[in-house]
Amino acid sequence: MFYGILILMYFYDNKKHSRPHIHAEYGDHIASIAIEDGEILSGDLPPAKMKLVQAWIEIHKEDLMADWKLAVAGEPVFKIDPLR
């Protein structure tokens, strides 16, 4: 979590969006965002919050991809540092 944005990755979550992705929640807003390029797969976030999430994804892309592989296999993921 950073700047009020909750970042989630679910186990076995490769059915609806087959691309590696994260889920971001901010207030009533929920979005699924691709790890590879920051594309919004579904939902929405306020524009300023979306830019923060996309910047965080870019900084932590390798860690996120490693966690994605663990999560879709049902294994525990590693925590990733928040955006500071």
N, C-alpha and C. Protein backbone atom coordinates (compact mmCIF):
# COMPACT_ATOMS: atom_id res chain seq x y z
N MET A 1 0.84 -1.17 0.00
CA MET A 1 0.00 0.00 0.00
C MET A 1 0.88 1.24 0.00
N PHE A 2 0.53 2.21 -0.82
CA PHE A 2 1.22 3.49 -0.84
C PHE A 2 0.26 4.57 -1.32
N TYR A 3 0.38 5.75 -0.73
CA TYR A 3 -0.47 6.90 -1.08
C TYR A 3 -1.96 6.54 -1.09
N GLY A 4 -2.36 5.68 -0.18
CA GLY A 4 -3.76 5.27 -0.08
C GLY A 4 -4.20 4.24 -1.11
N ILE A 5 -3.26 3.76 -1.91
CA ILE A 5 -3.57 2.78 -2.97
C ILE A 5 -3.18 1.39 -2.46
N LEU A 6 -4.12 0.48 -2.48
CA LEU A 6 -3.86 -0.90 -2.08
C LEU A 6 -3.53 -1.71 -3.33
N ILE A 7 -2.40 -2.39 -3.32
CA ILE A 7 -1.97 -3.22 -4.45
C ILE A 7 -2.14 -4.68 -4.06
N LEU A 8 -2.79 -5.45 -4.93
CA LEU A 8 -3.07 -6.86 -4.66
C LEU A 8 -2.66 -7.74 -5.83
N MET A 9 -2.30 -8.96 -5.50
CA MET A 9 -2.06 -9.99 -6.50
C MET A 9 -2.71 -11.26 -5.95
N TYR A 10 -3.57 -11.89 -6.74
CA TYR A 10 -4.33 -13.04 -6.27
C TYR A 10 -3.72 -14.35 -6.76
N PHE A 11 -3.89 -15.40 -5.95
CA PHE A 11 -3.46 -16.73 -6.36
C PHE A 11 -4.33 -17.22 -7.51
N TYR A 12 -3.73 -17.96 -8.43
CA TYR A 12 -4.44 -18.58 -9.56
C TYR A 12 -5.24 -17.57 -10.38
N ASP A 13 -4.76 -16.34 -10.52
CA ASP A 13 -5.52 -15.26 -11.15
C ASP A 13 -5.13 -15.06 -12.61
N ASN A 14 -5.09 -16.13 -13.38
CA ASN A 14 -4.71 -16.00 -14.79
C ASN A 14 -5.83 -16.47 -15.72
N LYS A 15 -7.06 -16.46 -15.26
CA LYS A 15 -8.18 -16.91 -16.09
C LYS A 15 -8.82 -15.75 -16.85
N LYS A 16 -9.30 -14.72 -16.13
CA LYS A 16 -9.99 -13.60 -16.77
C LYS A 16 -9.03 -12.77 -17.62
N HIS A 17 -7.92 -12.39 -17.02
CA HIS A 17 -6.87 -11.65 -17.74
C HIS A 17 -5.66 -12.57 -17.78
N SER A 18 -5.39 -13.12 -18.93
CA SER A 18 -4.28 -14.08 -19.00
C SER A 18 -2.92 -13.39 -18.89
N ARG A 19 -2.90 -12.08 -19.13
CA ARG A 19 -1.64 -11.34 -19.00
C ARG A 19 -1.28 -11.15 -17.53
N PRO A 20 0.01 -11.16 -17.21
CA PRO A 20 0.41 -10.86 -15.84
C PRO A 20 -0.09 -9.47 -15.44
N HIS A 21 -0.72 -9.38 -14.27
CA HIS A 21 -1.30 -8.11 -13.85
C HIS A 21 -1.41 -8.02 -12.34
N ILE A 22 -1.68 -6.79 -11.88
CA ILE A 22 -1.96 -6.53 -10.47
C ILE A 22 -3.34 -5.92 -10.39
N HIS A 23 -3.86 -5.87 -9.17
CA HIS A 23 -5.11 -5.19 -8.89
C HIS A 23 -4.77 -4.01 -7.99
N ALA A 24 -5.36 -2.86 -8.28
CA ALA A 24 -5.14 -1.67 -7.47
C ALA A 24 -6.50 -1.15 -7.01
N GLU A 25 -6.58 -0.79 -5.73
CA GLU A 25 -7.81 -0.25 -5.17
C GLU A 25 -7.51 1.08 -4.50
N TYR A 26 -8.38 2.04 -4.76
CA TYR A 26 -8.27 3.35 -4.12
C TYR A 26 -9.69 3.84 -3.89
N GLY A 27 -10.11 3.86 -2.64
CA GLY A 27 -11.49 4.23 -2.33
C GLY A 27 -12.44 3.26 -3.01
N ASP A 28 -13.38 3.79 -3.79
CA ASP A 28 -14.35 2.97 -4.51
C ASP A 28 -13.84 2.53 -5.88
N HIS A 29 -12.64 2.92 -6.23
CA HIS A 29 -12.07 2.61 -7.55
C HIS A 29 -11.25 1.33 -7.48
N ILE A 30 -11.44 0.48 -8.48
CA ILE A 30 -10.69 -0.78 -8.58
C ILE A 30 -10.24 -0.95 -10.02
N ALA A 31 -8.99 -1.33 -10.23
CA ALA A 31 -8.48 -1.53 -11.59
C ALA A 31 -7.54 -2.73 -11.63
N SER A 32 -7.52 -3.40 -12.78
CA SER A 32 -6.53 -4.43 -13.07
C SER A 32 -5.57 -3.82 -14.08
N ILE A 33 -4.27 -3.94 -13.81
CA ILE A 33 -3.26 -3.25 -14.62
C ILE A 33 -2.17 -4.24 -15.02
N ALA A 34 -1.85 -4.29 -16.30
CA ALA A 34 -0.83 -5.20 -16.82
C ALA A 34 0.55 -4.82 -16.28
N ILE A 35 1.32 -5.83 -15.91
CA ILE A 35 2.67 -5.60 -15.40
C ILE A 35 3.61 -5.21 -16.53
N GLU A 36 3.46 -5.82 -17.68
CA GLU A 36 4.40 -5.60 -18.79
C GLU A 36 4.46 -4.15 -19.26
N ASP A 37 3.30 -3.51 -19.37
CA ASP A 37 3.29 -2.17 -19.97
C ASP A 37 2.40 -1.15 -19.25
N GLY A 38 1.81 -1.53 -18.11
CA GLY A 38 0.98 -0.61 -17.35
C GLY A 38 -0.39 -0.35 -17.94
N GLU A 39 -0.78 -1.14 -18.94
CA GLU A 39 -2.08 -0.96 -19.58
C GLU A 39 -3.20 -1.32 -18.60
N ILE A 40 -4.27 -0.54 -18.62
CA ILE A 40 -5.44 -0.82 -17.79
C ILE A 40 -6.24 -1.92 -18.47
N LEU A 41 -6.38 -3.05 -17.79
CA LEU A 41 -7.12 -4.18 -18.34
C LEU A 41 -8.60 -4.10 -18.01
N SER A 42 -8.93 -3.55 -16.84
CA SER A 42 -10.32 -3.34 -16.47
C SER A 42 -10.38 -2.35 -15.33
N GLY A 43 -11.52 -1.72 -15.16
CA GLY A 43 -11.73 -0.79 -14.07
C GLY A 43 -11.07 0.55 -14.30
N ASP A 44 -10.94 1.30 -13.21
CA ASP A 44 -10.32 2.62 -13.30
C ASP A 44 -9.82 3.08 -11.94
N LEU A 45 -8.91 4.04 -11.98
CA LEU A 45 -8.42 4.76 -10.82
C LEU A 45 -8.40 6.23 -11.20
N PRO A 46 -8.43 7.13 -10.22
CA PRO A 46 -8.23 8.54 -10.57
C PRO A 46 -6.91 8.69 -11.31
N PRO A 47 -6.86 9.57 -12.32
CA PRO A 47 -5.65 9.69 -13.15
C PRO A 47 -4.34 9.86 -12.38
N ALA A 48 -4.31 10.69 -11.35
CA ALA A 48 -3.07 10.91 -10.60
C ALA A 48 -2.64 9.63 -9.88
N LYS A 49 -3.59 8.88 -9.36
CA LYS A 49 -3.26 7.62 -8.67
C LYS A 49 -2.81 6.57 -9.68
N MET A 50 -3.43 6.56 -10.86
CA MET A 50 -3.02 5.61 -11.89
C MET A 50 -1.57 5.87 -12.31
N LYS A 51 -1.18 7.12 -12.43
CA LYS A 51 0.21 7.43 -12.79
C LYS A 51 1.18 6.93 -11.72
N LEU A 52 0.80 7.04 -10.45
CA LEU A 52 1.65 6.53 -9.38
C LEU A 52 1.80 5.01 -9.48
N VAL A 53 0.69 4.32 -9.72
CA VAL A 53 0.73 2.86 -9.84
C VAL A 53 1.58 2.45 -11.04
N GLN A 54 1.40 3.12 -12.16
CA GLN A 54 2.17 2.77 -13.36
C GLN A 54 3.66 3.03 -13.16
N ALA A 55 4.00 4.08 -12.43
CA ALA A 55 5.42 4.36 -12.13
C ALA A 55 5.98 3.26 -11.22
N TRP A 56 5.19 2.86 -10.23
CA TRP A 56 5.62 1.79 -9.31
C TRP A 56 5.82 0.48 -10.06
N ILE A 57 4.91 0.17 -10.98
CA ILE A 57 5.04 -1.04 -11.79
C ILE A 57 6.35 -1.01 -12.58
N GLU A 58 6.63 0.13 -13.20
CA GLU A 58 7.85 0.24 -14.01
C GLU A 58 9.09 0.02 -13.15
N ILE A 59 9.11 0.58 -11.95
CA ILE A 59 10.26 0.44 -11.05
C ILE A 59 10.44 -1.01 -10.59
N HIS A 60 9.33 -1.71 -10.37
CA HIS A 60 9.39 -3.05 -9.77
C HIS A 60 8.97 -4.16 -10.73
N LYS A 61 9.09 -3.93 -12.01
CA LYS A 61 8.61 -4.88 -13.01
C LYS A 61 9.19 -6.29 -12.82
N GLU A 62 10.48 -6.41 -12.60
CA GLU A 62 11.10 -7.73 -12.44
C GLU A 62 10.56 -8.45 -11.20
N ASP A 63 10.45 -7.73 -10.10
CA ASP A 63 9.91 -8.33 -8.87
C ASP A 63 8.45 -8.73 -9.06
N LEU A 64 7.69 -7.90 -9.73
CA LEU A 64 6.28 -8.21 -9.97
C LEU A 64 6.12 -9.45 -10.85
N MET A 65 6.95 -9.57 -11.86
CA MET A 65 6.87 -10.76 -12.74
C MET A 65 7.24 -12.02 -11.96
N ALA A 66 8.22 -11.93 -11.09
CA ALA A 66 8.59 -13.08 -10.26
C ALA A 66 7.43 -13.44 -9.33
N ASP A 67 6.82 -12.44 -8.71
CA ASP A 67 5.67 -12.69 -7.84
C ASP A 67 4.49 -13.26 -8.62
N TRP A 68 4.28 -12.78 -9.85
CA TRP A 68 3.18 -13.29 -10.68
C TRP A 68 3.33 -14.80 -10.89
N LYS A 69 4.54 -15.22 -11.22
CA LYS A 69 4.78 -16.66 -11.44
C LYS A 69 4.48 -17.47 -10.18
N LEU A 70 4.84 -16.93 -9.03
CA LEU A 70 4.54 -17.61 -7.77
C LEU A 70 3.03 -17.64 -7.52
N ALA A 71 2.38 -16.51 -7.70
CA ALA A 71 0.95 -16.40 -7.40
C ALA A 71 0.09 -17.33 -8.26
N VAL A 72 0.36 -17.39 -9.56
CA VAL A 72 -0.46 -18.25 -10.42
C VAL A 72 -0.21 -19.73 -10.14
N ALA A 73 0.91 -20.04 -9.49
CA ALA A 73 1.18 -21.41 -9.07
C ALA A 73 0.65 -21.69 -7.67
N GLY A 74 0.04 -20.67 -7.04
CA GLY A 74 -0.53 -20.85 -5.72
C GLY A 74 0.48 -20.76 -4.60
N GLU A 75 1.64 -20.21 -4.89
CA GLU A 75 2.70 -20.10 -3.88
C GLU A 75 2.72 -18.69 -3.29
N PRO A 76 3.19 -18.55 -2.05
CA PRO A 76 3.27 -17.22 -1.44
C PRO A 76 4.18 -16.28 -2.23
N VAL A 77 3.80 -15.02 -2.27
CA VAL A 77 4.59 -14.01 -2.99
C VAL A 77 5.43 -13.22 -1.99
N PHE A 78 6.40 -12.51 -2.51
CA PHE A 78 7.26 -11.66 -1.70
C PHE A 78 6.70 -10.25 -1.68
N LYS A 79 6.83 -9.56 -0.55
CA LYS A 79 6.39 -8.17 -0.47
C LYS A 79 7.35 -7.31 -1.29
N ILE A 80 6.78 -6.28 -1.90
CA ILE A 80 7.56 -5.36 -2.72
C ILE A 80 7.45 -3.98 -2.07
N ASP A 81 8.56 -3.27 -2.01
CA ASP A 81 8.59 -1.94 -1.38
C ASP A 81 7.58 -1.01 -2.02
N PRO A 82 6.94 -0.18 -1.21
CA PRO A 82 5.99 0.80 -1.74
C PRO A 82 6.72 1.93 -2.46
N LEU A 83 5.94 2.71 -3.19
CA LEU A 83 6.48 3.91 -3.83
C LEU A 83 6.72 4.94 -2.74
N ARG A 84 7.88 5.56 -2.75
CA ARG A 84 8.21 6.58 -1.72
C ARG A 84 8.46 7.91 -2.35
